PDB file of all heavy atoms in Angstrom:
ATOM      1  N   SER A   1       6.939 -19.030  22.745  1.00  0.00           N
ATOM      2  CA  SER A   1       7.782 -18.809  21.561  1.00  0.00           C
ATOM      3  C   SER A   1       6.995 -18.676  20.270  1.00  0.00           C
ATOM      4  O   SER A   1       7.566 -18.313  19.243  1.00  0.00           O
ATOM      5  CB  SER A   1       8.791 -19.976  21.437  1.00  0.00           C
ATOM      6  OG  SER A   1       9.667 -19.986  22.555  1.00  0.00           O
ATOM      7  N   TRP A   2       5.698 -18.986  20.302  1.00  0.00           N
ATOM      8  CA  TRP A   2       4.863 -18.776  19.115  1.00  0.00           C
ATOM      9  C   TRP A   2       4.795 -17.302  18.741  1.00  0.00           C
ATOM     10  O   TRP A   2       4.668 -16.961  17.557  1.00  0.00           O
ATOM     11  CB  TRP A   2       3.450 -19.289  19.346  1.00  0.00           C
ATOM     12  CG  TRP A   2       3.339 -20.783  19.235  1.00  0.00           C
ATOM     13  CD1 TRP A   2       3.227 -21.694  20.248  1.00  0.00           C
ATOM     14  CD2 TRP A   2       3.333 -21.531  18.024  1.00  0.00           C
ATOM     15  NE1 TRP A   2       3.164 -22.953  19.748  1.00  0.00           N
ATOM     16  CE2 TRP A   2       3.219 -22.897  18.385  1.00  0.00           C
ATOM     17  CE3 TRP A   2       3.412 -21.194  16.668  1.00  0.00           C
ATOM     18  CZ2 TRP A   2       3.175 -23.928  17.429  1.00  0.00           C
ATOM     19  CZ3 TRP A   2       3.385 -22.210  15.722  1.00  0.00           C
ATOM     20  CH2 TRP A   2       3.267 -23.564  16.107  1.00  0.00           C
ATOM     21  N   ILE A   3       4.883 -16.413  19.712  1.00  0.00           N
ATOM     22  CA  ILE A   3       4.747 -14.982  19.434  1.00  0.00           C
ATOM     23  C   ILE A   3       5.933 -14.433  18.652  1.00  0.00           C
ATOM     24  O   ILE A   3       5.750 -13.814  17.585  1.00  0.00           O
ATOM     25  CB  ILE A   3       4.538 -14.189  20.735  1.00  0.00           C
ATOM     26  CG1 ILE A   3       3.320 -14.720  21.483  1.00  0.00           C
ATOM     27  CG2 ILE A   3       4.372 -12.690  20.433  1.00  0.00           C
ATOM     28  CD1 ILE A   3       2.018 -14.718  20.673  1.00  0.00           C
ATOM     29  N   PRO A   4       7.182 -14.659  19.067  1.00  0.00           N
ATOM     30  CA  PRO A   4       8.309 -14.204  18.210  1.00  0.00           C
ATOM     31  C   PRO A   4       8.331 -14.901  16.871  1.00  0.00           C
ATOM     32  O   PRO A   4       8.771 -14.319  15.867  1.00  0.00           O
ATOM     33  CB  PRO A   4       9.546 -14.490  19.046  1.00  0.00           C
ATOM     34  CG  PRO A   4       9.121 -15.520  20.036  1.00  0.00           C
ATOM     35  CD  PRO A   4       7.678 -15.227  20.340  1.00  0.00           C
ATOM     36  N   PHE A   5       7.906 -16.175  16.837  1.00  0.00           N
ATOM     37  CA  PHE A   5       7.835 -16.889  15.553  1.00  0.00           C
ATOM     38  C   PHE A   5       6.926 -16.155  14.569  1.00  0.00           C
ATOM     39  O   PHE A   5       7.262 -15.951  13.405  1.00  0.00           O
ATOM     40  CB  PHE A   5       7.347 -18.317  15.771  1.00  0.00           C
ATOM     41  CG  PHE A   5       6.882 -18.998  14.513  1.00  0.00           C
ATOM     42  CD1 PHE A   5       7.808 -19.470  13.600  1.00  0.00           C
ATOM     43  CD2 PHE A   5       5.536 -19.156  14.241  1.00  0.00           C
ATOM     44  CE1 PHE A   5       7.394 -20.100  12.416  1.00  0.00           C
ATOM     45  CE2 PHE A   5       5.110 -19.770  13.067  1.00  0.00           C
ATOM     46  CZ  PHE A   5       6.032 -20.233  12.149  1.00  0.00           C
ATOM     47  N   ILE A   6       5.763 -15.727  15.069  1.00  0.00           N
ATOM     48  CA  ILE A   6       4.790 -15.005  14.222  1.00  0.00           C
ATOM     49  C   ILE A   6       5.383 -13.649  13.806  1.00  0.00           C
ATOM     50  O   ILE A   6       5.277 -13.246  12.637  1.00  0.00           O
ATOM     51  CB  ILE A   6       3.454 -14.836  14.970  1.00  0.00           C
ATOM     52  CG1 ILE A   6       2.778 -16.197  15.127  1.00  0.00           C
ATOM     53  CG2 ILE A   6       2.539 -13.864  14.216  1.00  0.00           C
ATOM     54  CD1 ILE A   6       1.558 -16.166  16.022  1.00  0.00           C
ATOM     55  N   PHE A   7       5.998 -12.943  14.752  1.00  0.00           N
ATOM     56  CA  PHE A   7       6.560 -11.623  14.424  1.00  0.00           C
ATOM     57  C   PHE A   7       7.668 -11.740  13.376  1.00  0.00           C
ATOM     58  O   PHE A   7       7.680 -10.997  12.381  1.00  0.00           O
ATOM     59  CB  PHE A   7       7.139 -10.962  15.689  1.00  0.00           C
ATOM     60  CG  PHE A   7       6.110 -10.304  16.565  1.00  0.00           C
ATOM     61  CD1 PHE A   7       6.326 -10.159  17.922  1.00  0.00           C
ATOM     62  CD2 PHE A   7       4.919  -9.825  16.027  1.00  0.00           C
ATOM     63  CE1 PHE A   7       5.393  -9.534  18.740  1.00  0.00           C
ATOM     64  CE2 PHE A   7       3.968  -9.228  16.843  1.00  0.00           C
ATOM     65  CZ  PHE A   7       4.201  -9.091  18.192  1.00  0.00           C
ATOM     66  N   VAL A   8       8.600 -12.659  13.570  1.00  0.00           N
ATOM     67  CA  VAL A   8       9.713 -12.819  12.629  1.00  0.00           C
ATOM     68  C   VAL A   8       9.199 -13.231  11.265  1.00  0.00           C
ATOM     69  O   VAL A   8       9.657 -12.720  10.237  1.00  0.00           O
ATOM     70  CB  VAL A   8      10.735 -13.839  13.175  1.00  0.00           C
ATOM     71  CG1 VAL A   8      11.765 -14.186  12.107  1.00  0.00           C
ATOM     72  CG2 VAL A   8      11.429 -13.305  14.413  1.00  0.00           C
ATOM     73  N   SER A   9       8.209 -14.123  11.240  1.00  0.00           N
ATOM     74  CA  SER A   9       7.668 -14.597   9.971  1.00  0.00           C
ATOM     75  C   SER A   9       6.922 -13.500   9.226  1.00  0.00           C
ATOM     76  O   SER A   9       7.137 -13.282   8.027  1.00  0.00           O
ATOM     77  CB  SER A   9       6.733 -15.787  10.207  1.00  0.00           C
ATOM     78  OG  SER A   9       7.439 -16.871  10.802  1.00  0.00           O
ATOM     79  N   LEU A  10       6.056 -12.785   9.942  1.00  0.00           N
ATOM     80  CA  LEU A  10       5.246 -11.738   9.302  1.00  0.00           C
ATOM     81  C   LEU A  10       6.127 -10.579   8.810  1.00  0.00           C
ATOM     82  O   LEU A  10       5.972 -10.132   7.658  1.00  0.00           O
ATOM     83  CB  LEU A  10       4.189 -11.214  10.279  1.00  0.00           C
ATOM     84  CG  LEU A  10       2.972 -12.112  10.514  1.00  0.00           C
ATOM     85  CD1 LEU A  10       2.029 -11.475  11.531  1.00  0.00           C
ATOM     86  CD2 LEU A  10       2.235 -12.391   9.201  1.00  0.00           C
ATOM     87  N   PHE A  11       7.031 -10.136   9.652  1.00  0.00           N
ATOM     88  CA  PHE A  11       7.892  -9.030   9.255  1.00  0.00           C
ATOM     89  C   PHE A  11       8.878  -9.462   8.185  1.00  0.00           C
ATOM     90  O   PHE A  11       9.397  -8.632   7.439  1.00  0.00           O
ATOM     91  CB  PHE A  11       8.640  -8.448  10.461  1.00  0.00           C
ATOM     92  CG  PHE A  11       7.844  -7.445  11.237  1.00  0.00           C
ATOM     93  CD1 PHE A  11       7.140  -7.819  12.365  1.00  0.00           C
ATOM     94  CD2 PHE A  11       7.794  -6.116  10.837  1.00  0.00           C
ATOM     95  CE1 PHE A  11       6.379  -6.903  13.084  1.00  0.00           C
ATOM     96  CE2 PHE A  11       7.066  -5.186  11.552  1.00  0.00           C
ATOM     97  CZ  PHE A  11       6.360  -5.585  12.678  1.00  0.00           C
ATOM     98  N   GLY A  12       9.129 -10.768   8.113  1.00  0.00           N
ATOM     99  CA  GLY A  12      10.035 -11.277   7.076  1.00  0.00           C
ATOM    100  C   GLY A  12       9.393 -11.261   5.697  1.00  0.00           C
ATOM    101  O   GLY A  12      10.056 -10.975   4.692  1.00  0.00           O
ATOM    102  N   ILE A  13       8.085 -11.592   5.644  1.00  0.00           N
ATOM    103  CA  ILE A  13       7.422 -11.693   4.324  1.00  0.00           C
ATOM    104  C   ILE A  13       6.803 -10.368   3.888  1.00  0.00           C
ATOM    105  O   ILE A  13       6.638 -10.164   2.672  1.00  0.00           O
ATOM    106  CB  ILE A  13       6.357 -12.801   4.321  1.00  0.00           C
ATOM    107  CG1 ILE A  13       5.197 -12.463   5.279  1.00  0.00           C
ATOM    108  CG2 ILE A  13       6.973 -14.133   4.666  1.00  0.00           C
ATOM    109  CD1 ILE A  13       4.068 -13.473   5.236  1.00  0.00           C
ATOM    110  N   LEU A  14       6.463  -9.481   4.809  1.00  0.00           N
ATOM    111  CA  LEU A  14       5.813  -8.235   4.447  1.00  0.00           C
ATOM    112  C   LEU A  14       6.646  -7.381   3.493  1.00  0.00           C
ATOM    113  O   LEU A  14       6.130  -6.925   2.454  1.00  0.00           O
ATOM    114  CB  LEU A  14       5.422  -7.444   5.687  1.00  0.00           C
ATOM    115  CG  LEU A  14       4.698  -6.100   5.445  1.00  0.00           C
ATOM    116  CD1 LEU A  14       3.432  -6.321   4.643  1.00  0.00           C
ATOM    117  CD2 LEU A  14       4.385  -5.408   6.776  1.00  0.00           C
ATOM    118  N   PRO A  15       7.943  -7.119   3.798  1.00  0.00           N
ATOM    119  CA  PRO A  15       8.732  -6.313   2.844  1.00  0.00           C
ATOM    120  C   PRO A  15       8.837  -6.972   1.463  1.00  0.00           C
ATOM    121  O   PRO A  15       8.806  -6.272   0.440  1.00  0.00           O
ATOM    122  CB  PRO A  15      10.103  -6.220   3.516  1.00  0.00           C
ATOM    123  CG  PRO A  15       9.859  -6.471   4.958  1.00  0.00           C
ATOM    124  CD  PRO A  15       8.729  -7.462   4.987  1.00  0.00           C
ATOM    125  N   LEU A  16       8.965  -8.310   1.414  1.00  0.00           N
ATOM    126  CA  LEU A  16       9.044  -9.018   0.133  1.00  0.00           C
ATOM    127  C   LEU A  16       7.762  -8.832  -0.671  1.00  0.00           C
ATOM    128  O   LEU A  16       7.791  -8.536  -1.862  1.00  0.00           O
ATOM    129  CB  LEU A  16       9.296 -10.516   0.370  1.00  0.00           C
ATOM    130  CG  LEU A  16      10.725 -10.924   0.729  1.00  0.00           C
ATOM    131  CD1 LEU A  16      10.759 -12.406   1.020  1.00  0.00           C
ATOM    132  CD2 LEU A  16      11.681 -10.613  -0.427  1.00  0.00           C
ATOM    133  N   TYR A  17       6.640  -9.054  -0.003  1.00  0.00           N
ATOM    134  CA  TYR A  17       5.331  -8.936  -0.682  1.00  0.00           C
ATOM    135  C   TYR A  17       5.119  -7.507  -1.166  1.00  0.00           C
ATOM    136  O   TYR A  17       4.678  -7.285  -2.303  1.00  0.00           O
ATOM    137  CB  TYR A  17       4.213  -9.347   0.263  1.00  0.00           C
ATOM    138  CG  TYR A  17       2.846  -9.300  -0.362  1.00  0.00           C
ATOM    139  CD1 TYR A  17       2.405 -10.353  -1.179  1.00  0.00           C
ATOM    140  CD2 TYR A  17       2.000  -8.201  -0.160  1.00  0.00           C
ATOM    141  CE1 TYR A  17       1.143 -10.302  -1.769  1.00  0.00           C
ATOM    142  CE2 TYR A  17       0.750  -8.157  -0.755  1.00  0.00           C
ATOM    143  CZ  TYR A  17       0.333  -9.207  -1.554  1.00  0.00           C
ATOM    144  OH  TYR A  17      -0.904  -9.136  -2.152  1.00  0.00           O
ATOM    145  N   TRP A  18       5.419  -6.545  -0.324  1.00  0.00           N
ATOM    146  CA  TRP A  18       5.246  -5.144  -0.666  1.00  0.00           C
ATOM    147  C   TRP A  18       6.135  -4.761  -1.853  1.00  0.00           C
ATOM    148  O   TRP A  18       5.703  -4.133  -2.811  1.00  0.00           O
ATOM    149  CB  TRP A  18       5.559  -4.287   0.536  1.00  0.00           C
ATOM    150  CG  TRP A  18       5.152  -2.836   0.449  1.00  0.00           C
ATOM    151  CD1 TRP A  18       4.895  -2.118  -0.685  1.00  0.00           C
ATOM    152  CD2 TRP A  18       4.956  -1.948   1.536  1.00  0.00           C
ATOM    153  NE1 TRP A  18       4.567  -0.830  -0.386  1.00  0.00           N
ATOM    154  CE2 TRP A  18       4.592  -0.692   0.983  1.00  0.00           C
ATOM    155  CE3 TRP A  18       5.065  -2.060   2.920  1.00  0.00           C
ATOM    156  CZ2 TRP A  18       4.348   0.411   1.783  1.00  0.00           C
ATOM    157  CZ3 TRP A  18       4.814  -0.960   3.705  1.00  0.00           C
ATOM    158  CH2 TRP A  18       4.457   0.271   3.135  1.00  0.00           C
ATOM    159  N   TYR A  19       7.384  -5.180  -1.757  1.00  0.00           N
ATOM    160  CA  TYR A  19       8.368  -4.850  -2.816  1.00  0.00           C
ATOM    161  C   TYR A  19       7.906  -5.399  -4.160  1.00  0.00           C
ATOM    162  O   TYR A  19       7.942  -4.697  -5.174  1.00  0.00           O
ATOM    163  CB  TYR A  19       9.717  -5.434  -2.448  1.00  0.00           C
ATOM    164  CG  TYR A  19      10.772  -5.262  -3.543  1.00  0.00           C
ATOM    165  CD1 TYR A  19      11.446  -4.054  -3.704  1.00  0.00           C
ATOM    166  CD2 TYR A  19      11.085  -6.308  -4.403  1.00  0.00           C
ATOM    167  CE1 TYR A  19      12.414  -3.901  -4.696  1.00  0.00           C
ATOM    168  CE2 TYR A  19      12.042  -6.166  -5.397  1.00  0.00           C
ATOM    169  CZ  TYR A  19      12.692  -4.959  -5.541  1.00  0.00           C
ATOM    170  OH  TYR A  19      13.628  -4.806  -6.522  1.00  0.00           O
ATOM    171  N   MET A  20       7.473  -6.641  -4.184  1.00  0.00           N
ATOM    172  CA  MET A  20       7.096  -7.281  -5.441  1.00  0.00           C
ATOM    173  C   MET A  20       5.815  -6.662  -6.032  1.00  0.00           C
ATOM    174  O   MET A  20       5.534  -6.863  -7.216  1.00  0.00           O
ATOM    175  CB  MET A  20       6.905  -8.780  -5.247  1.00  0.00           C
ATOM    176  CG  MET A  20       8.202  -9.513  -4.941  1.00  0.00           C
ATOM    177  SD  MET A  20       9.469  -9.308  -6.231  1.00  0.00           S
ATOM    178  CE  MET A  20       8.668 -10.130  -7.619  1.00  0.00           C
ATOM    179  N   ASN A  21       5.074  -5.930  -5.237  1.00  0.00           N
ATOM    180  CA  ASN A  21       3.857  -5.298  -5.726  1.00  0.00           C
ATOM    181  C   ASN A  21       4.027  -3.838  -6.108  1.00  0.00           C
ATOM    182  O   ASN A  21       3.093  -3.214  -6.615  1.00  0.00           O
ATOM    183  CB  ASN A  21       2.730  -5.447  -4.706  1.00  0.00           C
ATOM    184  CG  ASN A  21       2.092  -6.818  -4.728  1.00  0.00           C
ATOM    185  OD1 ASN A  21       1.181  -7.085  -5.500  1.00  0.00           O
ATOM    186  ND2 ASN A  21       2.588  -7.721  -3.897  1.00  0.00           N
ATOM    187  N   VAL A  22       5.215  -3.261  -5.839  1.00  0.00           N
ATOM    188  CA  VAL A  22       5.442  -1.867  -6.229  1.00  0.00           C
ATOM    189  C   VAL A  22       6.568  -1.732  -7.243  1.00  0.00           C
ATOM    190  O   VAL A  22       6.676  -0.711  -7.922  1.00  0.00           O
ATOM    191  CB  VAL A  22       5.763  -0.986  -4.995  1.00  0.00           C
ATOM    192  CG1 VAL A  22       4.598  -0.975  -4.016  1.00  0.00           C
ATOM    193  CG2 VAL A  22       7.035  -1.438  -4.291  1.00  0.00           C
ATOM    194  N   VAL A  23       7.393  -2.773  -7.361  1.00  0.00           N
ATOM    195  CA  VAL A  23       8.514  -2.709  -8.288  1.00  0.00           C
ATOM    196  C   VAL A  23       8.020  -2.860  -9.736  1.00  0.00           C
ATOM    197  O   VAL A  23       6.961  -3.462  -9.986  1.00  0.00           O
ATOM    198  CB  VAL A  23       9.557  -3.809  -7.976  1.00  0.00           C
ATOM    199  CG1 VAL A  23       9.031  -5.208  -8.358  1.00  0.00           C
ATOM    200  CG2 VAL A  23      10.885  -3.550  -8.636  1.00  0.00           C
ATOM    201  N   ASP A  24       8.767  -2.273 -10.672  1.00  0.00           N
ATOM    202  CA  ASP A  24       8.491  -2.496 -12.109  1.00  0.00           C
ATOM    203  C   ASP A  24       8.850  -3.953 -12.395  1.00  0.00           C
ATOM    204  O   ASP A  24      10.031  -4.303 -12.471  1.00  0.00           O
ATOM    205  CB  ASP A  24       9.347  -1.531 -12.937  1.00  0.00           C
ATOM    206  CG  ASP A  24       9.106  -1.670 -14.437  1.00  0.00           C
ATOM    207  OD1 ASP A  24       8.717  -2.767 -14.882  1.00  0.00           O
ATOM    208  OD2 ASP A  24       9.323  -0.677 -15.150  1.00  0.00           O
ATOM    209  N   PHE A  25       7.840  -4.781 -12.573  1.00  0.00           N
ATOM    210  CA  PHE A  25       8.083  -6.219 -12.630  1.00  0.00           C
ATOM    211  C   PHE A  25       8.921  -6.615 -13.847  1.00  0.00           C
ATOM    212  O   PHE A  25       9.758  -7.512 -13.761  1.00  0.00           O
ATOM    213  CB  PHE A  25       6.763  -6.994 -12.625  1.00  0.00           C
ATOM    214  CG  PHE A  25       6.967  -8.489 -12.571  1.00  0.00           C
ATOM    215  CD1 PHE A  25       7.487  -9.084 -11.419  1.00  0.00           C
ATOM    216  CD2 PHE A  25       6.662  -9.282 -13.663  1.00  0.00           C
ATOM    217  CE1 PHE A  25       7.688 -10.465 -11.383  1.00  0.00           C
ATOM    218  CE2 PHE A  25       6.856 -10.657 -13.624  1.00  0.00           C
ATOM    219  CZ  PHE A  25       7.362 -11.253 -12.473  1.00  0.00           C
ATOM    220  N   ASN A  26       8.665  -5.990 -14.989  1.00  0.00           N
ATOM    221  CA  ASN A  26       9.459  -6.329 -16.182  1.00  0.00           C
ATOM    222  C   ASN A  26      10.932  -5.991 -15.973  1.00  0.00           C
ATOM    223  O   ASN A  26      11.823  -6.766 -16.388  1.00  0.00           O
ATOM    224  CB  ASN A  26       8.921  -5.560 -17.394  1.00  0.00           C
ATOM    225  CG  ASN A  26       7.581  -6.117 -17.860  1.00  0.00           C
ATOM    226  OD1 ASN A  26       7.333  -7.319 -17.785  1.00  0.00           O
ATOM    227  ND2 ASN A  26       6.706  -5.216 -18.309  1.00  0.00           N
ATOM    228  N   TRP A  27      11.188  -4.854 -15.340  1.00  0.00           N
ATOM    229  CA  TRP A  27      12.573  -4.495 -15.021  1.00  0.00           C
ATOM    230  C   TRP A  27      13.169  -5.485 -14.033  1.00  0.00           C
ATOM    231  O   TRP A  27      14.297  -5.966 -14.230  1.00  0.00           O
ATOM    232  CB  TRP A  27      12.630  -3.084 -14.427  1.00  0.00           C
ATOM    233  CG  TRP A  27      13.962  -2.746 -13.842  1.00  0.00           C
ATOM    234  CD1 TRP A  27      15.058  -2.279 -14.481  1.00  0.00           C
ATOM    235  CD2 TRP A  27      14.357  -2.910 -12.455  1.00  0.00           C
ATOM    236  NE1 TRP A  27      16.108  -2.124 -13.596  1.00  0.00           N
ATOM    237  CE2 TRP A  27      15.695  -2.495 -12.356  1.00  0.00           C
ATOM    238  CE3 TRP A  27      13.686  -3.332 -11.317  1.00  0.00           C
ATOM    239  CZ2 TRP A  27      16.390  -2.516 -11.147  1.00  0.00           C
ATOM    240  CZ3 TRP A  27      14.383  -3.361 -10.113  1.00  0.00           C
ATOM    241  CH2 TRP A  27      15.715  -2.944 -10.040  1.00  0.00           C
ATOM    242  N   TYR A  28      12.408  -5.822 -12.978  1.00  0.00           N
ATOM    243  CA  TYR A  28      12.900  -6.755 -11.987  1.00  0.00           C
ATOM    244  C   TYR A  28      13.176  -8.126 -12.599  1.00  0.00           C
ATOM    245  O   TYR A  28      14.167  -8.779 -12.268  1.00  0.00           O
ATOM    246  CB  TYR A  28      11.908  -6.910 -10.835  1.00  0.00           C
ATOM    247  CG  TYR A  28      12.357  -7.938  -9.834  1.00  0.00           C
ATOM    248  CD1 TYR A  28      13.332  -7.615  -8.881  1.00  0.00           C
ATOM    249  CD2 TYR A  28      11.852  -9.226  -9.855  1.00  0.00           C
ATOM    250  CE1 TYR A  28      13.780  -8.569  -7.969  1.00  0.00           C
ATOM    251  CE2 TYR A  28      12.290 -10.175  -8.950  1.00  0.00           C
ATOM    252  CZ  TYR A  28      13.244  -9.846  -8.026  1.00  0.00           C
ATOM    253  OH  TYR A  28      13.695 -10.797  -7.135  1.00  0.00           O
ATOM    254  N   LEU A  29      12.310  -8.546 -13.510  1.00  0.00           N
ATOM    255  CA  LEU A  29      12.488  -9.844 -14.135  1.00  0.00           C
ATOM    256  C   LEU A  29      13.765  -9.907 -14.951  1.00  0.00           C
ATOM    257  O   LEU A  29      14.462 -10.924 -14.946  1.00  0.00           O
ATOM    258  CB  LEU A  29      11.263 -10.141 -15.019  1.00  0.00           C
ATOM    259  CG  LEU A  29      10.958 -11.631 -15.320  1.00  0.00           C
ATOM    260  CD1 LEU A  29      10.854 -12.415 -14.045  1.00  0.00           C
ATOM    261  CD2 LEU A  29       9.677 -11.734 -16.130  1.00  0.00           C
ATOM    262  N   ASP A  30      14.074  -8.807 -15.627  1.00  0.00           N
ATOM    263  CA  ASP A  30      15.345  -8.768 -16.390  1.00  0.00           C
ATOM    264  C   ASP A  30      16.542  -8.936 -15.430  1.00  0.00           C
ATOM    265  O   ASP A  30      17.475  -9.687 -15.735  1.00  0.00           O
ATOM    266  CB  ASP A  30      15.456  -7.441 -17.132  1.00  0.00           C
ATOM    267  CG  ASP A  30      14.500  -7.343 -18.323  1.00  0.00           C
ATOM    268  OD1 ASP A  30      14.103  -8.400 -18.836  1.00  0.00           O
ATOM    269  OD2 ASP A  30      14.155  -6.216 -18.725  1.00  0.00           O
ATOM    270  N   VAL A  31      16.495  -8.216 -14.301  1.00  0.00           N
ATOM    271  CA  VAL A  31      17.585  -8.316 -13.318  1.00  0.00           C
ATOM    272  C   VAL A  31      17.644  -9.715 -12.727  1.00  0.00           C
ATOM    273  O   VAL A  31      18.720 -10.306 -12.584  1.00  0.00           O
ATOM    274  CB  VAL A  31      17.403  -7.273 -12.200  1.00  0.00           C
ATOM    275  CG1 VAL A  31      18.456  -7.433 -11.117  1.00  0.00           C
ATOM    276  CG2 VAL A  31      17.452  -5.864 -12.787  1.00  0.00           C
ATOM    277  N   TYR A  32      16.478 -10.258 -12.378  1.00  0.00           N
ATOM    278  CA  TYR A  32      16.398 -11.568 -11.755  1.00  0.00           C
ATOM    279  C   TYR A  32      16.939 -12.659 -12.682  1.00  0.00           C
ATOM    280  O   TYR A  32      17.734 -13.515 -12.250  1.00  0.00           O
ATOM    281  CB  TYR A  32      14.954 -11.881 -11.384  1.00  0.00           C
ATOM    282  CG  TYR A  32      14.742 -13.227 -10.727  1.00  0.00           C
ATOM    283  CD1 TYR A  32      15.006 -13.421  -9.386  1.00  0.00           C
ATOM    284  CD2 TYR A  32      14.285 -14.321 -11.482  1.00  0.00           C
ATOM    285  CE1 TYR A  32      14.825 -14.658  -8.775  1.00  0.00           C
ATOM    286  CE2 TYR A  32      14.106 -15.555 -10.894  1.00  0.00           C
ATOM    287  CZ  TYR A  32      14.370 -15.712  -9.538  1.00  0.00           C
ATOM    288  OH  TYR A  32      14.192 -16.942  -8.950  1.00  0.00           O
ATOM    289  N   ILE A  33      16.523 -12.625 -13.931  1.00  0.00           N
ATOM    290  CA  ILE A  33      16.974 -13.612 -14.903  1.00  0.00           C
ATOM    291  C   ILE A  33      18.472 -13.509 -15.129  1.00  0.00           C
ATOM    292  O   ILE A  33      19.197 -14.498 -15.219  1.00  0.00           O
ATOM    293  CB  ILE A  33      16.192 -13.478 -16.215  1.00  0.00           C
ATOM    294  CG1 ILE A  33      14.727 -13.882 -16.010  1.00  0.00           C
ATOM    295  CG2 ILE A  33      16.813 -14.334 -17.321  1.00  0.00           C
ATOM    296  CD1 ILE A  33      13.843 -13.638 -17.219  1.00  0.00           C
ATOM    297  N   SER A  34      18.952 -12.267 -15.256  1.00  0.00           N
ATOM    298  CA  SER A  34      20.375 -12.044 -15.476  1.00  0.00           C
ATOM    299  C   SER A  34      21.188 -12.577 -14.315  1.00  0.00           C
ATOM    300  O   SER A  34      22.262 -13.165 -14.493  1.00  0.00           O
ATOM    301  CB  SER A  34      20.643 -10.559 -15.696  1.00  0.00           C
ATOM    302  OG  SER A  34      22.012 -10.302 -15.825  1.00  0.00           O
ATOM    303  N   THR A  35      20.689 -12.380 -13.090  1.00  0.00           N
ATOM    304  CA  THR A  35      21.401 -12.826 -11.886  1.00  0.00           C
ATOM    305  C   THR A  35      21.322 -14.342 -11.712  1.00  0.00           C
ATOM    306  O   THR A  35      22.317 -14.999 -11.398  1.00  0.00           O
ATOM    307  CB  THR A  35      20.833 -12.145 -10.634  1.00  0.00           C
ATOM    308  OG1 THR A  35      20.922 -10.713 -10.790  1.00  0.00           O
ATOM    309  CG2 THR A  35      21.598 -12.566  -9.379  1.00  0.00           C
TER     310      THR A  35
END
């Protein structure tokens, strides 16, 4: 079960990390704070 744990964890964080490094952070911060 360590293998699916690693897959789910890695694939779970990769889109978040990628998104936060390509998004316009100032724009995202405005949306985040407003929400």
